[in-house]
Amino acid sequence: MLAAPAAADDLGRLFHSVDERAHMDRQARARIHPPPRLDGILIRSSGVPTIFLNGEATQPSPGQVIRKDGKAWVPGPDGRGHLLQVGEPLTPP
C-alpha cells in the first residue's frame, strides 16, 4: 500500500530560508495582534490625559504622554515602549 503524497500546505515553510520564515512569523503575529496606532491624545482641563490606541480610549500610565510634543509611549507587541506621534502607526522592524 502506498502512502498518500503530502499536501503542499504541509511543506510550505520547509523550503524557505530562516529570514523568510521569520518574516512569515512576523506577518502571522501582525494579523493576530495588529501593531498599535496612536489615534489621539485628549487632555482634560483637570490635566488628566486619555490616549486613543487603535480607536479605543485608554488611560495612560504616568509619564506615558509627552504633552508638549503630542507624543506618547505606546507598548508594542514586542513588549517594548515606542514613542509615537498622533496619527502614527507602529511600523514593524
N, C-alpha and C. Protein backbone atom coordinates (compact mmCIF):
# COMPACT_ATOMS: atom_id res chain seq x y z
N MET A 1 0.84 -1.17 0.00
CA MET A 1 0.00 0.00 0.00
C MET A 1 0.90 1.25 0.00
N LEU A 2 0.58 2.18 -0.85
CA LEU A 2 1.36 3.41 -0.96
C LEU A 2 0.78 4.49 -0.06
N ALA A 3 1.67 5.27 0.51
CA ALA A 3 1.22 6.40 1.35
C ALA A 3 0.77 7.54 0.45
N ALA A 4 -0.21 8.28 0.92
CA ALA A 4 -0.70 9.43 0.15
C ALA A 4 0.38 10.51 0.14
N PRO A 5 0.54 11.20 -0.99
CA PRO A 5 1.56 12.26 -1.03
C PRO A 5 1.18 13.40 -0.07
N ALA A 6 2.20 14.03 0.47
CA ALA A 6 1.98 15.14 1.40
C ALA A 6 1.41 16.33 0.64
N ALA A 7 0.51 17.00 1.27
CA ALA A 7 -0.07 18.20 0.65
C ALA A 7 0.96 19.32 0.64
N ALA A 8 0.86 20.19 -0.35
CA ALA A 8 1.81 21.30 -0.47
C ALA A 8 1.77 22.21 0.75
N ASP A 9 0.59 22.36 1.37
CA ASP A 9 0.47 23.22 2.54
C ASP A 9 1.31 22.70 3.70
N ASP A 10 1.45 21.38 3.80
CA ASP A 10 2.23 20.80 4.90
C ASP A 10 3.71 21.16 4.79
N LEU A 11 4.20 21.36 3.59
CA LEU A 11 5.62 21.63 3.36
C LEU A 11 5.91 23.10 3.08
N GLY A 12 4.92 23.95 3.22
CA GLY A 12 5.07 25.35 2.85
C GLY A 12 6.26 26.06 3.47
N ARG A 13 6.52 25.84 4.76
CA ARG A 13 7.61 26.54 5.43
C ARG A 13 8.95 25.82 5.26
N LEU A 14 8.94 24.58 4.86
CA LEU A 14 10.14 23.78 4.81
C LEU A 14 11.18 24.35 3.84
N PHE A 15 10.74 24.87 2.73
CA PHE A 15 11.66 25.30 1.68
C PHE A 15 11.93 26.79 1.69
N HIS A 16 11.78 27.43 2.85
CA HIS A 16 12.08 28.84 2.98
C HIS A 16 13.32 29.02 3.83
N SER A 17 14.02 30.14 3.61
CA SER A 17 15.21 30.42 4.41
C SER A 17 14.79 30.84 5.82
N VAL A 18 15.75 30.93 6.71
CA VAL A 18 15.47 31.35 8.09
C VAL A 18 14.86 32.74 8.10
N ASP A 19 15.39 33.65 7.29
CA ASP A 19 14.85 35.02 7.23
C ASP A 19 13.42 35.03 6.68
N GLU A 20 13.16 34.22 5.67
CA GLU A 20 11.81 34.16 5.11
C GLU A 20 10.82 33.62 6.13
N ARG A 21 11.22 32.60 6.89
CA ARG A 21 10.34 32.04 7.92
C ARG A 21 10.08 33.06 9.02
N ALA A 22 11.12 33.81 9.42
CA ALA A 22 10.94 34.85 10.45
C ALA A 22 9.98 35.93 9.95
N HIS A 23 10.10 36.29 8.68
CA HIS A 23 9.19 37.28 8.10
C HIS A 23 7.76 36.75 8.08
N MET A 24 7.58 35.49 7.74
CA MET A 24 6.26 34.87 7.74
C MET A 24 5.67 34.85 9.16
N ASP A 25 6.52 34.58 10.16
CA ASP A 25 6.05 34.57 11.55
C ASP A 25 5.60 35.97 11.97
N ARG A 26 6.38 37.01 11.59
CA ARG A 26 6.00 38.39 11.95
C ARG A 26 4.68 38.77 11.30
N GLN A 27 4.48 38.36 10.05
CA GLN A 27 3.22 38.66 9.38
C GLN A 27 2.05 37.96 10.07
N ALA A 28 2.25 36.73 10.49
CA ALA A 28 1.18 35.99 11.18
C ALA A 28 0.84 36.66 12.50
N ARG A 29 1.86 37.08 13.27
CA ARG A 29 1.60 37.76 14.54
C ARG A 29 0.90 39.09 14.32
N ALA A 30 1.25 39.80 13.25
CA ALA A 30 0.62 41.10 12.97
C ALA A 30 -0.86 40.93 12.65
N ARG A 31 -1.22 39.80 12.03
CA ARG A 31 -2.64 39.57 11.74
C ARG A 31 -3.40 39.28 13.03
N ILE A 32 -2.76 38.61 13.98
CA ILE A 32 -3.41 38.27 15.24
C ILE A 32 -3.46 39.49 16.16
N HIS A 33 -2.34 40.17 16.31
CA HIS A 33 -2.23 41.36 17.16
C HIS A 33 -1.74 42.52 16.31
N PRO A 34 -2.65 43.32 15.75
CA PRO A 34 -2.20 44.41 14.90
C PRO A 34 -1.34 45.39 15.70
N PRO A 35 -0.33 45.97 15.06
CA PRO A 35 0.52 46.92 15.77
C PRO A 35 -0.29 48.13 16.23
N PRO A 36 0.08 48.70 17.37
CA PRO A 36 -0.69 49.83 17.89
C PRO A 36 -0.57 51.06 16.98
N ARG A 37 -1.63 51.85 16.98
CA ARG A 37 -1.67 53.10 16.23
C ARG A 37 -2.18 54.15 17.21
N LEU A 38 -1.44 55.24 17.37
CA LEU A 38 -1.84 56.32 18.27
C LEU A 38 -2.78 57.24 17.50
N ASP A 39 -4.09 57.15 17.81
CA ASP A 39 -5.10 57.93 17.10
C ASP A 39 -5.30 59.32 17.68
N GLY A 40 -5.02 59.50 18.96
CA GLY A 40 -5.24 60.83 19.54
C GLY A 40 -4.88 60.87 21.01
N ILE A 41 -4.70 62.11 21.48
CA ILE A 41 -4.46 62.37 22.90
C ILE A 41 -5.44 63.45 23.32
N LEU A 42 -6.18 63.18 24.37
CA LEU A 42 -7.13 64.15 24.91
C LEU A 42 -6.65 64.51 26.31
N ILE A 43 -6.44 65.81 26.54
CA ILE A 43 -6.03 66.27 27.87
C ILE A 43 -7.13 67.15 28.41
N ARG A 44 -7.75 66.71 29.49
CA ARG A 44 -8.85 67.45 30.11
C ARG A 44 -8.32 68.67 30.85
N SER A 45 -9.21 69.57 31.18
CA SER A 45 -8.82 70.77 31.92
C SER A 45 -8.23 70.41 33.28
N SER A 46 -8.59 69.24 33.80
CA SER A 46 -8.02 68.79 35.08
C SER A 46 -6.59 68.29 34.90
N GLY A 47 -6.15 68.15 33.64
CA GLY A 47 -4.79 67.69 33.37
C GLY A 47 -4.68 66.19 33.17
N VAL A 48 -5.79 65.47 33.33
CA VAL A 48 -5.77 64.01 33.18
C VAL A 48 -5.87 63.66 31.69
N PRO A 49 -4.86 62.98 31.13
CA PRO A 49 -4.91 62.64 29.71
C PRO A 49 -5.61 61.30 29.44
N THR A 50 -6.13 61.19 28.25
CA THR A 50 -6.64 59.93 27.71
C THR A 50 -5.99 59.77 26.35
N ILE A 51 -5.51 58.57 26.06
CA ILE A 51 -4.97 58.33 24.72
C ILE A 51 -5.89 57.35 24.00
N PHE A 52 -5.89 57.46 22.68
CA PHE A 52 -6.72 56.60 21.84
C PHE A 52 -5.78 55.71 21.02
N LEU A 53 -5.80 54.42 21.33
CA LEU A 53 -4.99 53.44 20.62
C LEU A 53 -5.90 52.55 19.80
N ASN A 54 -5.64 52.50 18.51
CA ASN A 54 -6.46 51.70 17.58
C ASN A 54 -7.94 51.98 17.76
N GLY A 55 -8.28 53.25 17.97
CA GLY A 55 -9.67 53.66 18.06
C GLY A 55 -10.32 53.48 19.42
N GLU A 56 -9.57 53.01 20.42
CA GLU A 56 -10.14 52.80 21.74
C GLU A 56 -9.48 53.70 22.77
N ALA A 57 -10.31 54.30 23.66
CA ALA A 57 -9.80 55.17 24.71
C ALA A 57 -9.09 54.34 25.76
N THR A 58 -7.93 54.82 26.20
CA THR A 58 -7.11 54.13 27.18
C THR A 58 -6.57 55.14 28.18
N GLN A 59 -6.55 54.78 29.44
CA GLN A 59 -5.95 55.64 30.46
C GLN A 59 -4.46 55.35 30.49
N PRO A 60 -3.62 56.34 30.16
CA PRO A 60 -2.18 56.10 30.13
C PRO A 60 -1.59 56.03 31.53
N SER A 61 -0.45 55.40 31.63
CA SER A 61 0.28 55.37 32.89
C SER A 61 1.02 56.70 33.05
N PRO A 62 1.43 57.05 34.27
CA PRO A 62 2.15 58.31 34.48
C PRO A 62 3.42 58.35 33.62
N GLY A 63 3.63 59.47 32.96
CA GLY A 63 4.80 59.65 32.12
C GLY A 63 4.68 59.10 30.72
N GLN A 64 3.55 58.48 30.41
CA GLN A 64 3.38 57.88 29.08
C GLN A 64 3.13 58.94 28.01
N VAL A 65 2.49 60.07 28.39
CA VAL A 65 2.15 61.12 27.43
C VAL A 65 3.15 62.27 27.56
N ILE A 66 3.69 62.70 26.42
CA ILE A 66 4.56 63.87 26.37
C ILE A 66 3.73 64.99 25.80
N ARG A 67 3.27 65.86 26.67
CA ARG A 67 2.26 66.86 26.29
C ARG A 67 2.75 67.87 25.26
N LYS A 68 3.94 68.38 25.41
CA LYS A 68 4.38 69.46 24.52
C LYS A 68 4.60 69.00 23.08
N ASP A 69 4.88 67.73 22.88
CA ASP A 69 5.16 67.22 21.54
C ASP A 69 3.98 66.49 20.91
N GLY A 70 2.93 66.23 21.67
CA GLY A 70 1.80 65.46 21.14
C GLY A 70 2.19 64.03 20.84
N LYS A 71 3.05 63.47 21.69
CA LYS A 71 3.51 62.10 21.51
C LYS A 71 3.20 61.30 22.76
N ALA A 72 3.23 59.99 22.62
CA ALA A 72 3.01 59.12 23.77
C ALA A 72 3.83 57.84 23.58
N TRP A 73 4.27 57.29 24.70
CA TRP A 73 4.93 55.99 24.71
C TRP A 73 3.85 54.92 24.62
N VAL A 74 3.96 54.08 23.61
CA VAL A 74 2.94 53.07 23.35
C VAL A 74 3.60 51.69 23.41
N PRO A 75 3.01 50.75 24.17
CA PRO A 75 3.60 49.41 24.21
C PRO A 75 3.36 48.68 22.90
N GLY A 76 4.40 48.09 22.37
CA GLY A 76 4.29 47.33 21.13
C GLY A 76 4.09 45.86 21.40
N PRO A 77 3.85 45.08 20.36
CA PRO A 77 3.66 43.65 20.53
C PRO A 77 4.91 42.96 21.07
N ASP A 78 6.06 43.62 20.92
CA ASP A 78 7.31 43.05 21.42
C ASP A 78 7.53 43.35 22.90
N GLY A 79 6.59 44.10 23.52
CA GLY A 79 6.69 44.41 24.93
C GLY A 79 7.47 45.68 25.24
N ARG A 80 8.13 46.25 24.24
CA ARG A 80 8.90 47.48 24.44
C ARG A 80 8.02 48.69 24.19
N GLY A 81 8.40 49.83 24.79
CA GLY A 81 7.69 51.07 24.54
C GLY A 81 8.21 51.76 23.29
N HIS A 82 7.31 52.35 22.52
CA HIS A 82 7.67 53.05 21.29
C HIS A 82 7.05 54.44 21.36
N LEU A 83 7.84 55.46 21.06
CA LEU A 83 7.36 56.83 21.08
C LEU A 83 6.69 57.14 19.74
N LEU A 84 5.37 57.35 19.78
CA LEU A 84 4.61 57.63 18.57
C LEU A 84 3.96 58.99 18.64
N GLN A 85 3.84 59.64 17.50
CA GLN A 85 3.11 60.89 17.38
C GLN A 85 1.68 60.56 16.96
N VAL A 86 0.75 61.44 17.29
CA VAL A 86 -0.65 61.20 16.93
C VAL A 86 -0.76 60.95 15.44
N GLY A 87 -1.48 59.89 15.08
CA GLY A 87 -1.69 59.51 13.68
C GLY A 87 -0.64 58.55 13.15
N GLU A 88 0.35 58.26 13.96
CA GLU A 88 1.45 57.41 13.52
C GLU A 88 1.25 55.96 13.97
N PRO A 89 1.28 55.01 13.03
CA PRO A 89 1.22 53.60 13.44
C PRO A 89 2.62 53.10 13.77
N LEU A 90 2.69 52.06 14.55
CA LEU A 90 3.97 51.42 14.83
C LEU A 90 4.33 50.56 13.63
N THR A 91 5.46 50.86 13.02
CA THR A 91 5.89 50.07 11.86
C THR A 91 6.76 48.93 12.34
N PRO A 92 6.45 47.70 11.93
CA PRO A 92 7.25 46.57 12.36
C PRO A 92 8.65 46.66 11.80
N PRO A 93 9.64 46.11 12.54
CA PRO A 93 11.03 46.17 12.06
C PRO A 93 11.26 45.34 10.84
